[in-house]
């Protein structure tokens, strides 16, 4: 019994909203990989995806932590989600089931543990915007913005972490500086700049 109590205290990170799918996935990932430490839950659909990345980056810069597991998931086939979209006149919005989880850590900590670094998140901002757009886009130098929704569907809070992950993979491959923009939420614009890290 003491061993079980010890495992519960050191290997599980309960949250107030564990019944949500995103929290269940985060909990499962934490258990499998023996993640310990604090846990934060962000709610608010699209804006929450921007806030989780922004929070991790700011806490690393402030010296409040060195490594964070961040991410979100969306089950597009949930009946309640489909009903809400129908009632709000958004039935034509292409939803997409997706999950995007990644490790965000300080450069020094990544070097210490010998991790492969894909890219650096230079800036993350959540600013007031007067108009609602079409979702997450990737903007590369000298190219038009590319929307993710036609490829993956609209993934609610999971789409911004997905955009960051894709930008990190693309920038690590060809050295391009990529801006990720999320215009999904009303009156808010999430932005991040992702750039290659030289080996």
Protein backbone atom coordinates (compact mmCIF):
# COMPACT_ATOMS: atom_id res chain seq x y z
CA UNK A 1 0.00 0.00 0.00
CA UNK A 2 2.83 2.43 0.81
CA UNK A 3 4.41 1.68 -2.56
CA UNK A 4 1.12 2.46 -4.31
CA UNK A 5 0.79 5.76 -2.44
CA UNK A 6 4.36 6.66 -3.38
CA UNK A 7 3.66 5.90 -7.06
CA UNK A 8 0.49 7.99 -6.99
CA UNK A 9 2.36 10.95 -5.52
CA UNK A 10 5.35 10.78 -7.87
CA UNK A 11 3.97 9.43 -11.15
CA UNK A 12 0.46 10.88 -11.52
CA UNK A 13 -0.43 14.52 -11.97
CA UNK A 14 -4.17 14.95 -11.44
CA UNK A 15 -5.85 18.10 -12.72
CA UNK A 16 -9.20 19.70 -12.07
CA UNK A 17 -10.37 18.84 -15.59
CA UNK A 18 -9.08 15.29 -15.99
CA UNK A 19 -12.36 14.25 -17.61
CA UNK A 20 -11.50 16.21 -20.75
CA UNK A 21 -9.87 14.24 -23.55
CA UNK A 22 -6.81 16.48 -23.71
CA UNK A 23 -6.21 16.00 -20.00
CA UNK A 24 -6.67 12.25 -20.28
CA UNK A 25 -4.06 12.12 -23.05
CA UNK A 26 -1.68 14.33 -21.08
CA UNK A 27 -2.24 12.14 -18.03
CA UNK A 28 -1.51 8.98 -20.02
CA UNK A 29 1.64 10.47 -21.52
CA UNK A 30 2.76 11.59 -18.06
CA UNK A 31 2.21 8.12 -16.59
CA UNK A 32 3.94 6.23 -19.42
CA UNK A 33 6.96 8.55 -19.42
CA UNK A 34 7.02 9.00 -15.63
CA UNK A 35 6.62 12.77 -15.86
CA UNK A 36 6.46 14.39 -12.44
CA UNK A 37 5.99 17.95 -11.27
CA UNK A 38 3.24 20.51 -11.62
CA UNK A 39 0.38 20.45 -14.06
CA UNK A 40 -1.64 23.28 -15.59
CA UNK A 41 -4.89 23.12 -17.49
CA UNK A 42 -5.88 25.76 -20.03
CA UNK A 43 -9.46 26.05 -21.23
CA UNK A 44 -10.93 28.18 -23.95
CA UNK A 45 -10.74 26.16 -27.14
CA UNK A 46 -8.46 27.79 -29.73
CA UNK A 47 -6.88 30.34 -27.38
CA UNK A 48 -5.82 27.59 -24.96
CA UNK A 49 -3.48 26.14 -27.60
CA UNK A 50 -1.62 29.44 -27.85
CA UNK A 51 -1.55 29.92 -24.08
CA UNK A 52 0.07 26.55 -23.32
CA UNK A 53 3.00 27.28 -25.63
CA UNK A 54 3.30 30.89 -24.44
CA UNK A 55 3.23 29.80 -20.78
CA UNK A 56 5.98 27.20 -21.24
CA UNK A 57 8.27 29.61 -23.14
CA UNK A 58 7.76 32.42 -20.59
CA UNK A 59 8.37 30.13 -17.61
CA UNK A 60 11.62 28.86 -19.14
CA UNK A 61 12.78 32.44 -19.79
CA UNK A 62 11.88 33.41 -16.21
CA UNK A 63 13.88 30.47 -14.79
CA UNK A 64 10.76 28.79 -13.36
CA UNK A 65 11.44 25.51 -15.13
CA UNK A 66 13.69 23.87 -17.69
CA UNK A 67 11.47 21.31 -19.41
CA UNK A 68 7.75 21.27 -20.21
CA UNK A 69 5.51 18.75 -21.94
CA UNK A 70 2.82 20.76 -23.74
CA UNK A 71 0.06 19.79 -26.11
CA UNK A 72 -3.59 19.35 -26.86
CA UNK A 73 -5.97 17.04 -28.68
CA UNK A 74 -9.27 17.32 -30.50
CA UNK A 75 -11.75 14.56 -31.26
CA UNK A 76 -13.69 16.00 -34.20
CA UNK A 77 -16.30 13.23 -34.10
CA UNK A 78 -17.63 14.13 -30.64
CA UNK A 79 -21.42 14.55 -30.91
CA UNK A 80 -21.43 17.58 -28.58
CA UNK A 81 -18.79 19.36 -30.68
CA UNK A 82 -20.70 18.69 -33.89
CA UNK A 83 -23.92 19.96 -32.28
CA UNK A 84 -22.26 23.17 -31.04
CA UNK A 85 -20.87 23.85 -34.53
CA UNK A 86 -24.31 23.24 -36.05
CA UNK A 87 -26.06 25.56 -33.58
CA UNK A 88 -23.46 28.30 -34.14
CA UNK A 89 -23.86 28.15 -37.91
CA UNK A 90 -20.39 26.63 -38.41
CA UNK A 91 -21.47 23.26 -39.83
CA UNK A 92 -19.36 23.85 -42.93
CA UNK A 93 -16.19 24.28 -40.84
CA UNK A 94 -13.96 21.25 -41.56
CA UNK A 95 -13.08 19.74 -38.19
CA UNK A 96 -10.08 17.47 -37.83
CA UNK A 97 -9.19 14.95 -35.14
CA UNK A 98 -5.63 15.54 -34.04
CA UNK A 99 -3.23 15.47 -31.12
CA UNK A 100 -0.01 17.43 -30.87
CA UNK A 101 2.31 17.04 -27.87
CA UNK A 102 5.90 18.24 -27.68
CA UNK A 103 8.71 18.94 -25.25
CA UNK A 104 9.71 22.57 -24.88
CA UNK A 105 12.91 23.04 -22.89
CA UNK A 106 15.79 25.41 -22.33
CA UNK A 107 18.76 25.07 -24.68
CA UNK A 108 21.09 24.31 -21.76
CA UNK A 109 18.87 21.53 -20.42
CA UNK A 110 18.54 19.97 -23.89
CA UNK A 111 22.34 19.95 -24.24
CA UNK A 112 22.76 18.34 -20.81
CA UNK A 113 20.46 15.46 -21.63
CA UNK A 114 21.74 15.06 -25.20
CA UNK A 115 18.35 15.72 -26.81
CA UNK A 116 17.92 16.38 -30.51
CA UNK A 117 16.87 20.02 -30.86
CA UNK A 118 14.59 20.70 -33.81
CA UNK A 119 14.15 24.46 -33.53
CA UNK A 120 13.92 27.48 -31.26
CA UNK A 121 10.68 29.26 -30.43
CA UNK A 122 11.76 32.88 -30.56
CA UNK A 123 8.55 34.76 -29.80
CA UNK A 124 5.04 33.81 -28.68
CA UNK A 125 2.32 36.43 -28.41
CA UNK A 126 -1.42 36.44 -27.87
CA UNK A 127 -2.76 39.83 -28.92
CA UNK A 128 -6.16 41.43 -29.42
CA UNK A 129 -7.38 41.28 -32.98
CA UNK A 130 -10.54 42.74 -34.44
CA UNK A 131 -11.34 39.92 -36.83
CA UNK A 132 -11.61 36.17 -36.81
CA UNK A 133 -9.73 34.31 -39.51
CA UNK A 134 -9.55 30.86 -40.97
CA UNK A 135 -7.33 29.10 -38.44
CA UNK A 136 -3.63 28.37 -38.17
CA UNK A 137 -1.26 29.37 -40.94
CA UNK A 138 2.47 28.96 -41.52
CA UNK A 139 4.31 31.93 -43.07
CA UNK A 140 7.75 31.41 -44.58
CA UNK A 141 9.92 34.21 -45.97
CA UNK A 142 9.00 35.23 -49.55
CA UNK A 143 6.02 32.85 -49.58
CA UNK A 144 2.28 33.23 -49.02
CA UNK A 145 0.74 32.03 -45.79
CA UNK A 146 -0.27 28.38 -45.87
CA UNK A 147 -3.40 27.28 -44.06
CA UNK A 148 -3.33 24.03 -42.09
CA UNK A 149 -7.11 23.46 -42.08
CA UNK A 150 -7.33 22.18 -45.69
CA UNK A 151 -4.70 19.56 -44.83
CA UNK A 152 -5.62 18.61 -41.26
CA UNK A 153 -9.02 20.15 -40.55
CA UNK A 154 -9.80 22.59 -37.75
CA UNK A 155 -8.41 21.09 -34.53
CA UNK A 156 -9.55 23.61 -31.93
CA UNK A 157 -6.90 23.97 -29.17
CA UNK A 158 -4.64 21.33 -30.77
CA UNK A 159 -4.04 23.27 -33.98
CA UNK A 160 -1.55 25.83 -32.62
CA UNK A 161 0.73 23.19 -31.03
CA UNK A 162 0.46 21.27 -34.33
CA UNK A 163 1.54 24.41 -36.20
CA UNK A 164 4.52 24.87 -33.86
CA UNK A 165 5.56 21.22 -34.29
CA UNK A 166 5.31 21.40 -38.09
CA UNK A 167 7.23 24.69 -38.16
CA UNK A 168 9.97 23.17 -35.98
CA UNK A 169 10.32 20.19 -38.31
CA UNK A 170 10.34 22.38 -41.44
CA UNK A 171 12.83 24.91 -40.05
CA UNK A 172 15.20 22.18 -38.86
CA UNK A 173 15.17 20.69 -42.35
CA UNK A 174 15.76 23.75 -44.52
CA UNK A 175 16.82 26.50 -42.10
CA UNK A 176 13.78 28.68 -42.72
CA UNK A 177 12.41 31.08 -40.12
CA UNK A 178 8.67 30.38 -39.89
CA UNK A 179 5.89 32.43 -38.33
CA UNK A 180 2.91 30.48 -36.97
CA UNK A 181 -0.33 32.45 -36.75
CA UNK A 182 -3.64 31.39 -35.21
CA UNK A 183 -6.63 33.53 -36.11
CA UNK A 184 -9.26 31.01 -35.02
CA UNK A 185 -10.44 32.69 -31.85
CA UNK A 186 -12.65 35.77 -31.96
CA UNK A 187 -10.79 38.97 -30.99
CA UNK A 188 -7.45 37.20 -30.49
CA UNK A 189 -4.41 36.47 -32.63
CA UNK A 190 -1.80 33.97 -31.54
CA UNK A 191 1.65 34.27 -33.09
CA UNK A 192 4.97 32.49 -32.70
CA UNK A 193 8.26 32.67 -34.58
CA UNK A 194 10.14 29.39 -34.96
CA UNK A 195 13.71 29.28 -36.22
CA UNK A 196 16.43 26.74 -36.85
CA UNK A 197 19.02 26.07 -34.19
CA UNK A 198 22.54 25.67 -35.52
CA UNK A 199 24.18 22.44 -34.40
